[in-house]
Amino acid sequence: MENKPYILIVEDDRPIRNFIAAAVSSQGYKYIETDKGNEAISLSMSNNPDLIILDLGLPDIDGIEVISKVREFSDVPIIIVSARANERQKVEALDKGADDYLIKPFGIGELLARIRVSLRHSMINKDKEEILSTFKVRQLVIDFDKRRVILNNEEIHLTPIEYKILSLLCRYSGKVLTHSFIIREVWGTSFGSETQSLRVFMASLRRKIEKDPAQPEYIYTEVGVGYRLIDE
């Protein structure tokens, strides 16, 4: 029998929780649910779900704290479902480790699509961790063993920083990486002084791998949040 993904639903609004439960159940996914943040952390540890759907406005602790606690022991995909629509809160959730952010109200089709994408990315990233010697998407190939970048069958030269940025994007392809996350990983500093440097290096990287940097095919900008490398 096929092993269906196991989903943890964390939502304190019962009608919305029932709506999400019905949606995942319609696809044959197994699920467990709770309306408390602390219980969600415990269930994550004890049940090892394949995906977490998480509201931020919980009655005991904020969903942001749930993300932080879960990320201490698990890289399970986390989809935020929240009425909080401002950019700062979205960035904070993604920077703490959420994989996607869905603003209420949302439709069942969009929710299921986000679930499929997150589960697919999770499997791809697990495979990458096991055999991350090369990465290929469309006409872009990165050979990590030889530190070579090939585009349209021609090698292109990247500076060390450009290569580090591209390698990071490849490792998390399909996922939005916030500015501060990239800066910490590449420069080892906190968000601030390197912001302009990131923009400069990203513009240079795009000029080398994009046919038209103004209409990128590989690296997309998530306005006010960060960057995302395509995964298909």
C-alpha atoms as a PDB file:
ATOM      1  CA  MET A   1       0.000   0.000   0.000  1.00  0.00           C
ATOM      2  CA  GLU A   2       1.241   3.475  -0.901  1.00  0.00           C
ATOM      3  CA  ASN A   3       2.449   5.521   2.051  1.00  0.00           C
ATOM      4  CA  LYS A   4       0.522   8.761   1.966  1.00  0.00           C
ATOM      5  CA  PRO A   5       2.044  11.919   3.502  1.00  0.00           C
ATOM      6  CA  TYR A   6       1.209  12.604   7.130  1.00  0.00           C
ATOM      7  CA  ILE A   7       0.174  16.209   7.816  1.00  0.00           C
ATOM      8  CA  LEU A   8      -0.057  18.136  11.081  1.00  0.00           C
ATOM      9  CA  ILE A   9      -2.750  20.846  11.025  1.00  0.00           C
ATOM     10  CA  VAL A  10      -2.309  23.624  13.603  1.00  0.00           C
ATOM     11  CA  GLU A  11      -5.278  26.001  13.564  1.00  0.00           C
ATOM     12  CA  ASP A  12      -7.428  27.389  16.382  1.00  0.00           C
ATOM     13  CA  ASP A  13     -10.393  28.409  14.177  1.00  0.00           C
ATOM     14  CA  ARG A  14     -12.473  25.238  14.049  1.00  0.00           C
ATOM     15  CA  PRO A  15     -14.292  25.936  10.727  1.00  0.00           C
ATOM     16  CA  ILE A  16     -10.963  26.655   9.005  1.00  0.00           C
ATOM     17  CA  ARG A  17      -9.369  23.606  10.654  1.00  0.00           C
ATOM     18  CA  ASN A  18     -12.250  21.457   9.424  1.00  0.00           C
ATOM     19  CA  PHE A  19     -11.901  22.978   5.941  1.00  0.00           C
ATOM     20  CA  ILE A  20      -8.181  22.147   5.821  1.00  0.00           C
ATOM     21  CA  ALA A  21      -8.779  18.656   7.210  1.00  0.00           C
ATOM     22  CA  ALA A  22     -11.408  17.973   4.547  1.00  0.00           C
ATOM     23  CA  ALA A  23      -9.072  19.237   1.835  1.00  0.00           C
ATOM     24  CA  VAL A  24      -6.121  17.026   2.816  1.00  0.00           C
ATOM     25  CA  SER A  25      -8.391  14.056   3.470  1.00  0.00           C
ATOM     26  CA  SER A  26      -9.835  14.389  -0.047  1.00  0.00           C
ATOM     27  CA  GLN A  27      -6.357  13.623  -1.396  1.00  0.00           C
ATOM     28  CA  GLY A  28      -5.921  10.579   0.807  1.00  0.00           C
ATOM     29  CA  TYR A  29      -3.423  12.321   3.104  1.00  0.00           C
ATOM     30  CA  LYS A  30      -3.381  11.256   6.723  1.00  0.00           C
ATOM     31  CA  TYR A  31      -3.534  14.040   9.275  1.00  0.00           C
ATOM     32  CA  ILE A  32      -3.545  14.969  12.936  1.00  0.00           C
ATOM     33  CA  GLU A  33      -4.795  18.306  14.246  1.00  0.00           C
ATOM     34  CA  THR A  34      -4.458  20.652  17.188  1.00  0.00           C
ATOM     35  CA  ASP A  35      -5.412  24.199  18.099  1.00  0.00           C
ATOM     36  CA  LYS A  36      -2.425  24.827  20.423  1.00  0.00           C
ATOM     37  CA  GLY A  37       1.138  25.819  19.602  1.00  0.00           C
ATOM     38  CA  ASN A  38       2.795  23.912  22.437  1.00  0.00           C
ATOM     39  CA  GLU A  39       0.934  20.743  21.535  1.00  0.00           C
ATOM     40  CA  ALA A  40       1.975  21.236  17.905  1.00  0.00           C
ATOM     41  CA  ILE A  41       5.628  21.200  18.968  1.00  0.00           C
ATOM     42  CA  SER A  42       5.101  17.998  20.961  1.00  0.00           C
ATOM     43  CA  LEU A  43       3.205  16.343  18.098  1.00  0.00           C
ATOM     44  CA  SER A  44       5.975  17.316  15.680  1.00  0.00           C
ATOM     45  CA  MET A  45       8.508  15.548  17.864  1.00  0.00           C
ATOM     46  CA  SER A  46       6.435  12.438  18.541  1.00  0.00           C
ATOM     47  CA  ASN A  47       4.711  11.944  15.166  1.00  0.00           C
ATOM     48  CA  ASN A  48       7.381  13.166  12.698  1.00  0.00           C
ATOM     49  CA  PRO A  49       4.881  14.579  10.168  1.00  0.00           C
ATOM     50  CA  ASP A  50       5.773  15.074   6.495  1.00  0.00           C
ATOM     51  CA  LEU A  51       4.254  18.561   6.463  1.00  0.00           C
ATOM     52  CA  ILE A  52       2.912  21.138   8.929  1.00  0.00           C
ATOM     53  CA  ILE A  53       0.122  23.580   8.104  1.00  0.00           C
ATOM     54  CA  LEU A  54       0.396  26.314  10.728  1.00  0.00           C
ATOM     55  CA  ASP A  55      -1.699  29.325  11.727  1.00  0.00           C
ATOM     56  CA  LEU A  56       0.254  32.129  13.395  1.00  0.00           C
ATOM     57  CA  GLY A  57      -2.473  33.406  15.719  1.00  0.00           C
ATOM     58  CA  LEU A  58      -2.702  30.618  18.288  1.00  0.00           C
ATOM     59  CA  PRO A  59      -4.195  30.947  21.789  1.00  0.00           C
ATOM     60  CA  ASP A  60      -1.151  29.847  23.822  1.00  0.00           C
ATOM     61  CA  ILE A  61       1.994  30.821  21.885  1.00  0.00           C
ATOM     62  CA  ASP A  62       2.548  32.632  18.613  1.00  0.00           C
ATOM     63  CA  GLY A  63       3.067  30.572  15.482  1.00  0.00           C
ATOM     64  CA  ILE A  64       6.446  32.254  14.940  1.00  0.00           C
ATOM     65  CA  GLU A  65       7.647  30.625  18.162  1.00  0.00           C
ATOM     66  CA  VAL A  66       6.323  27.276  16.954  1.00  0.00           C
ATOM     67  CA  ILE A  67       8.413  27.603  13.780  1.00  0.00           C
ATOM     68  CA  SER A  68      11.538  28.414  15.797  1.00  0.00           C
ATOM     69  CA  LYS A  69      11.051  25.474  18.176  1.00  0.00           C
ATOM     70  CA  VAL A  70      10.309  22.976  15.397  1.00  0.00           C
ATOM     71  CA  ARG A  71      13.357  24.116  13.441  1.00  0.00           C
ATOM     72  CA  GLU A  72      15.550  23.144  16.394  1.00  0.00           C
ATOM     73  CA  PHE A  73      14.930  19.454  15.639  1.00  0.00           C
ATOM     74  CA  SER A  74      13.259  19.131  12.221  1.00  0.00           C
ATOM     75  CA  ASP A  75      13.395  20.417   8.642  1.00  0.00           C
ATOM     76  CA  VAL A  76       9.782  19.374   7.953  1.00  0.00           C
ATOM     77  CA  PRO A  77       8.094  21.680   5.407  1.00  0.00           C
ATOM     78  CA  ILE A  78       5.923  24.326   7.103  1.00  0.00           C
ATOM     79  CA  ILE A  79       3.144  26.144   5.272  1.00  0.00           C
ATOM     80  CA  ILE A  80       1.809  29.211   7.082  1.00  0.00           C
ATOM     81  CA  VAL A  81      -1.906  29.961   6.766  1.00  0.00           C
ATOM     82  CA  SER A  82      -2.588  33.349   8.297  1.00  0.00           C
ATOM     83  CA  ALA A  83      -4.670  36.491   8.106  1.00  0.00           C
ATOM     84  CA  ARG A  84      -1.469  38.487   8.750  1.00  0.00           C
ATOM     85  CA  ALA A  85      -0.810  39.953   5.341  1.00  0.00           C
ATOM     86  CA  ASN A  86       1.832  42.596   5.915  1.00  0.00           C
ATOM     87  CA  GLU A  87       5.270  42.139   4.427  1.00  0.00           C
ATOM     88  CA  ARG A  88       7.221  42.336   7.694  1.00  0.00           C
ATOM     89  CA  GLN A  89       5.344  39.427   9.268  1.00  0.00           C
ATOM     90  CA  LYS A  90       5.633  37.345   6.118  1.00  0.00           C
ATOM     91  CA  VAL A  91       9.396  37.936   6.007  1.00  0.00           C
ATOM     92  CA  GLU A  92       9.721  37.067   9.708  1.00  0.00           C
ATOM     93  CA  ALA A  93       7.898  33.748   9.271  1.00  0.00           C
ATOM     94  CA  LEU A  94       9.955  32.773   6.219  1.00  0.00           C
ATOM     95  CA  ASP A  95      13.189  33.865   7.874  1.00  0.00           C
ATOM     96  CA  LYS A  96      12.431  31.729  10.934  1.00  0.00           C
ATOM     97  CA  GLY A  97      12.122  28.690   8.695  1.00  0.00           C
ATOM     98  CA  ALA A  98       8.648  28.541   7.132  1.00  0.00           C
ATOM     99  CA  ASP A  99       8.619  27.234   3.557  1.00  0.00           C
ATOM    100  CA  ASP A 100       5.497  28.943   2.236  1.00  0.00           C
ATOM    101  CA  TYR A 101       2.920  31.547   3.297  1.00  0.00           C
ATOM    102  CA  LEU A 102      -0.753  31.436   2.374  1.00  0.00           C
ATOM    103  CA  ILE A 103      -2.953  34.416   3.271  1.00  0.00           C
ATOM    104  CA  LYS A 104      -6.529  33.827   4.427  1.00  0.00           C
ATOM    105  CA  PRO A 105      -9.014  33.485   2.859  1.00  0.00           C
ATOM    106  CA  PHE A 106      -7.738  30.907   0.396  1.00  0.00           C
ATOM    107  CA  GLY A 107      -9.306  28.293  -1.850  1.00  0.00           C
ATOM    108  CA  ILE A 108      -8.976  24.529  -1.613  1.00  0.00           C
ATOM    109  CA  GLY A 109      -7.237  24.344  -5.008  1.00  0.00           C
ATOM    110  CA  GLU A 110      -4.491  26.766  -3.982  1.00  0.00           C
ATOM    111  CA  LEU A 111      -3.983  25.039  -0.632  1.00  0.00           C
ATOM    112  CA  LEU A 112      -3.601  21.622  -2.245  1.00  0.00           C
ATOM    113  CA  ALA A 113      -1.219  23.016  -4.860  1.00  0.00           C
ATOM    114  CA  ARG A 114       0.978  24.534  -2.132  1.00  0.00           C
ATOM    115  CA  ILE A 115       0.957  21.211  -0.278  1.00  0.00           C
ATOM    116  CA  ARG A 116       2.034  19.285  -3.390  1.00  0.00           C
ATOM    117  CA  VAL A 117       4.835  21.770  -4.093  1.00  0.00           C
ATOM    118  CA  SER A 118       6.133  21.676  -0.504  1.00  0.00           C
ATOM    119  CA  LEU A 119       6.102  17.880  -0.386  1.00  0.00           C
ATOM    120  CA  ARG A 120       7.873  17.674  -3.743  1.00  0.00           C
ATOM    121  CA  HIS A 121      10.542  20.162  -2.643  1.00  0.00           C
ATOM    122  CA  SER A 122      11.037  18.173   0.540  1.00  0.00           C
ATOM    123  CA  MET A 123      11.725  14.975  -1.393  1.00  0.00           C
ATOM    124  CA  ILE A 124      14.008  16.775  -3.867  1.00  0.00           C
ATOM    125  CA  ASN A 125      16.016  18.363  -1.067  1.00  0.00           C
ATOM    126  CA  LYS A 126      16.390  15.020   0.714  1.00  0.00           C
ATOM    127  CA  ASP A 127      17.769  13.539  -2.488  1.00  0.00           C
ATOM    128  CA  LYS A 128      20.133  16.491  -2.861  1.00  0.00           C
ATOM    129  CA  GLU A 129      21.483  15.986   0.635  1.00  0.00           C
ATOM    130  CA  GLU A 130      22.297  12.375  -0.243  1.00  0.00           C
ATOM    131  CA  ILE A 131      23.938  12.994  -3.634  1.00  0.00           C
ATOM    132  CA  LEU A 132      24.521  16.703  -4.108  1.00  0.00           C
ATOM    133  CA  SER A 133      27.354  16.435  -6.628  1.00  0.00           C
ATOM    134  CA  THR A 134      25.537  18.074  -9.518  1.00  0.00           C
ATOM    135  CA  PHE A 135      22.454  20.217  -9.928  1.00  0.00           C
ATOM    136  CA  LYS A 136      20.561  20.755 -13.174  1.00  0.00           C
ATOM    137  CA  VAL A 137      17.568  22.902 -14.023  1.00  0.00           C
ATOM    138  CA  ARG A 138      16.680  23.676 -17.638  1.00  0.00           C
ATOM    139  CA  GLN A 139      19.980  24.608 -19.312  1.00  0.00           C
ATOM    140  CA  LEU A 140      21.840  25.443 -16.104  1.00  0.00           C
ATOM    141  CA  VAL A 141      24.172  22.800 -14.618  1.00  0.00           C
ATOM    142  CA  ILE A 142      26.328  23.143 -11.499  1.00  0.00           C
ATOM    143  CA  ASP A 143      29.073  20.585 -10.890  1.00  0.00           C
ATOM    144  CA  PHE A 144      29.801  20.959  -7.178  1.00  0.00           C
ATOM    145  CA  ASP A 145      32.764  18.586  -7.183  1.00  0.00           C
ATOM    146  CA  LYS A 146      34.601  20.628  -9.834  1.00  0.00           C
ATOM    147  CA  ARG A 147      32.995  23.999  -8.934  1.00  0.00           C
ATOM    148  CA  ARG A 148      31.947  24.465 -12.557  1.00  0.00           C
ATOM    149  CA  VAL A 149      28.825  26.248 -13.808  1.00  0.00           C
ATOM    150  CA  ILE A 150      27.565  25.333 -17.283  1.00  0.00           C
ATOM    151  CA  LEU A 151      24.893  27.272 -19.145  1.00  0.00           C
ATOM    152  CA  ASN A 152      23.685  26.157 -22.578  1.00  0.00           C
ATOM    153  CA  ASN A 153      26.661  23.746 -22.730  1.00  0.00           C
ATOM    154  CA  GLU A 154      29.162  26.555 -22.154  1.00  0.00           C
ATOM    155  CA  GLU A 155      31.114  27.132 -18.953  1.00  0.00           C
ATOM    156  CA  ILE A 156      30.603  30.525 -17.329  1.00  0.00           C
ATOM    157  CA  HIS A 157      32.929  32.154 -14.834  1.00  0.00           C
ATOM    158  CA  LEU A 158      31.566  33.195 -11.442  1.00  0.00           C
ATOM    159  CA  THR A 159      33.359  35.017  -8.668  1.00  0.00           C
ATOM    160  CA  PRO A 160      33.627  33.114  -5.346  1.00  0.00           C
ATOM    161  CA  ILE A 161      30.743  35.124  -3.849  1.00  0.00           C
ATOM    162  CA  GLU A 162      28.543  34.645  -6.911  1.00  0.00           C
ATOM    163  CA  TYR A 163      29.244  30.905  -6.776  1.00  0.00           C
ATOM    164  CA  LYS A 164      28.346  30.763  -3.062  1.00  0.00           C
ATOM    165  CA  ILE A 165      25.054  32.567  -3.688  1.00  0.00           C
ATOM    166  CA  LEU A 166      24.134  30.314  -6.613  1.00  0.00           C
ATOM    167  CA  SER A 167      25.090  27.158  -4.668  1.00  0.00           C
ATOM    168  CA  LEU A 168      22.884  28.257  -1.780  1.00  0.00           C
ATOM    169  CA  LEU A 169      19.947  28.914  -4.087  1.00  0.00           C
ATOM    170  CA  CYS A 170      20.453  25.483  -5.679  1.00  0.00           C
ATOM    171  CA  ARG A 171      20.446  23.740  -2.310  1.00  0.00           C
ATOM    172  CA  TYR A 172      17.044  25.279  -1.557  1.00  0.00           C
ATOM    173  CA  SER A 173      15.692  25.447  -5.113  1.00  0.00           C
ATOM    174  CA  GLY A 174      12.015  26.283  -5.260  1.00  0.00           C
ATOM    175  CA  LYS A 175      12.059  27.842  -1.808  1.00  0.00           C
ATOM    176  CA  VAL A 176      12.109  31.574  -1.102  1.00  0.00           C
ATOM    177  CA  LEU A 177      15.323  32.540   0.710  1.00  0.00           C
ATOM    178  CA  THR A 178      15.108  35.803   2.612  1.00  0.00           C
ATOM    179  CA  HIS A 179      17.760  38.486   2.267  1.00  0.00           C
ATOM    180  CA  SER A 180      18.938  37.989   5.836  1.00  0.00           C
ATOM    181  CA  PHE A 181      19.229  34.194   5.430  1.00  0.00           C
ATOM    182  CA  ILE A 182      21.377  34.543   2.305  1.00  0.00           C
ATOM    183  CA  ILE A 183      23.573  37.162   3.959  1.00  0.00           C
ATOM    184  CA  ARG A 184      24.130  34.988   7.050  1.00  0.00           C
ATOM    185  CA  GLU A 185      24.989  31.948   4.933  1.00  0.00           C
ATOM    186  CA  VAL A 186      27.247  33.746   2.449  1.00  0.00           C
ATOM    187  CA  TRP A 187      28.923  36.450   4.527  1.00  0.00           C
ATOM    188  CA  GLY A 188      28.396  35.080   8.034  1.00  0.00           C
ATOM    189  CA  THR A 189      27.068  38.414   9.257  1.00  0.00           C
ATOM    190  CA  SER A 190      23.720  39.632  10.492  1.00  0.00           C
ATOM    191  CA  PHE A 191      21.267  41.427   8.238  1.00  0.00           C
ATOM    192  CA  GLY A 192      22.385  45.002   7.625  1.00  0.00           C
ATOM    193  CA  SER A 193      25.670  46.143   6.127  1.00  0.00           C
ATOM    194  CA  GLU A 194      25.761  43.490   3.382  1.00  0.00           C
ATOM    195  CA  THR A 195      22.295  44.225   1.984  1.00  0.00           C
ATOM    196  CA  GLN A 196      23.607  46.409  -0.803  1.00  0.00           C
ATOM    197  CA  SER A 197      26.390  43.924  -1.516  1.00  0.00           C
ATOM    198  CA  LEU A 198      23.808  41.181  -1.986  1.00  0.00           C
ATOM    199  CA  ARG A 199      21.905  43.293  -4.522  1.00  0.00           C
ATOM    200  CA  VAL A 200      25.109  44.042  -6.431  1.00  0.00           C
ATOM    201  CA  PHE A 201      26.247  40.413  -6.555  1.00  0.00           C
ATOM    202  CA  MET A 202      22.757  39.199  -7.451  1.00  0.00           C
ATOM    203  CA  ALA A 203      22.577  41.686 -10.339  1.00  0.00           C
ATOM    204  CA  SER A 204      25.986  40.504 -11.559  1.00  0.00           C
ATOM    205  CA  LEU A 205      24.991  36.839 -11.242  1.00  0.00           C
ATOM    206  CA  ARG A 206      21.820  37.444 -13.227  1.00  0.00           C
ATOM    207  CA  ARG A 207      23.722  39.176 -16.023  1.00  0.00           C
ATOM    208  CA  LYS A 208      25.786  36.003 -16.397  1.00  0.00           C
ATOM    209  CA  ILE A 209      23.029  33.383 -16.316  1.00  0.00           C
ATOM    210  CA  GLU A 210      19.889  35.163 -17.511  1.00  0.00           C
ATOM    211  CA  LYS A 211      19.161  35.890 -21.156  1.00  0.00           C
ATOM    212  CA  ASP A 212      17.284  38.996 -20.030  1.00  0.00           C
ATOM    213  CA  PRO A 213      18.006  39.972 -16.390  1.00  0.00           C
ATOM    214  CA  ALA A 214      14.866  42.135 -16.366  1.00  0.00           C
ATOM    215  CA  GLN A 215      12.779  39.037 -17.095  1.00  0.00           C
ATOM    216  CA  PRO A 216      14.646  36.241 -15.281  1.00  0.00           C
ATOM    217  CA  GLU A 217      14.115  32.592 -16.135  1.00  0.00           C
ATOM    218  CA  TYR A 218      16.123  31.127 -13.253  1.00  0.00           C
ATOM    219  CA  ILE A 219      16.303  33.463 -10.244  1.00  0.00           C
ATOM    220  CA  TYR A 220      13.082  35.199  -9.269  1.00  0.00           C
ATOM    221  CA  THR A 221      12.768  38.145  -6.908  1.00  0.00           C
ATOM    222  CA  GLU A 222      10.159  37.920  -4.166  1.00  0.00           C
ATOM    223  CA  VAL A 223       9.656  41.642  -3.618  1.00  0.00           C
ATOM    224  CA  GLY A 224      10.597  42.755  -0.122  1.00  0.00           C
ATOM    225  CA  VAL A 225      11.397  39.192   0.926  1.00  0.00           C
ATOM    226  CA  GLY A 226      14.273  37.615  -1.000  1.00  0.00           C
ATOM    227  CA  TYR A 227      15.051  35.361  -3.977  1.00  0.00           C
ATOM    228  CA  ARG A 228      13.986  31.968  -5.316  1.00  0.00           C
ATOM    229  CA  LEU A 229      15.672  29.652  -7.825  1.00  0.00           C
ATOM    230  CA  ILE A 230      13.322  27.636 -10.026  1.00  0.00           C
ATOM    231  CA  ASP A 231      13.306  23.890  -9.509  1.00  0.00           C
ATOM    232  CA  GLU A 232      11.700  22.709 -12.742  1.00  0.00           C
END
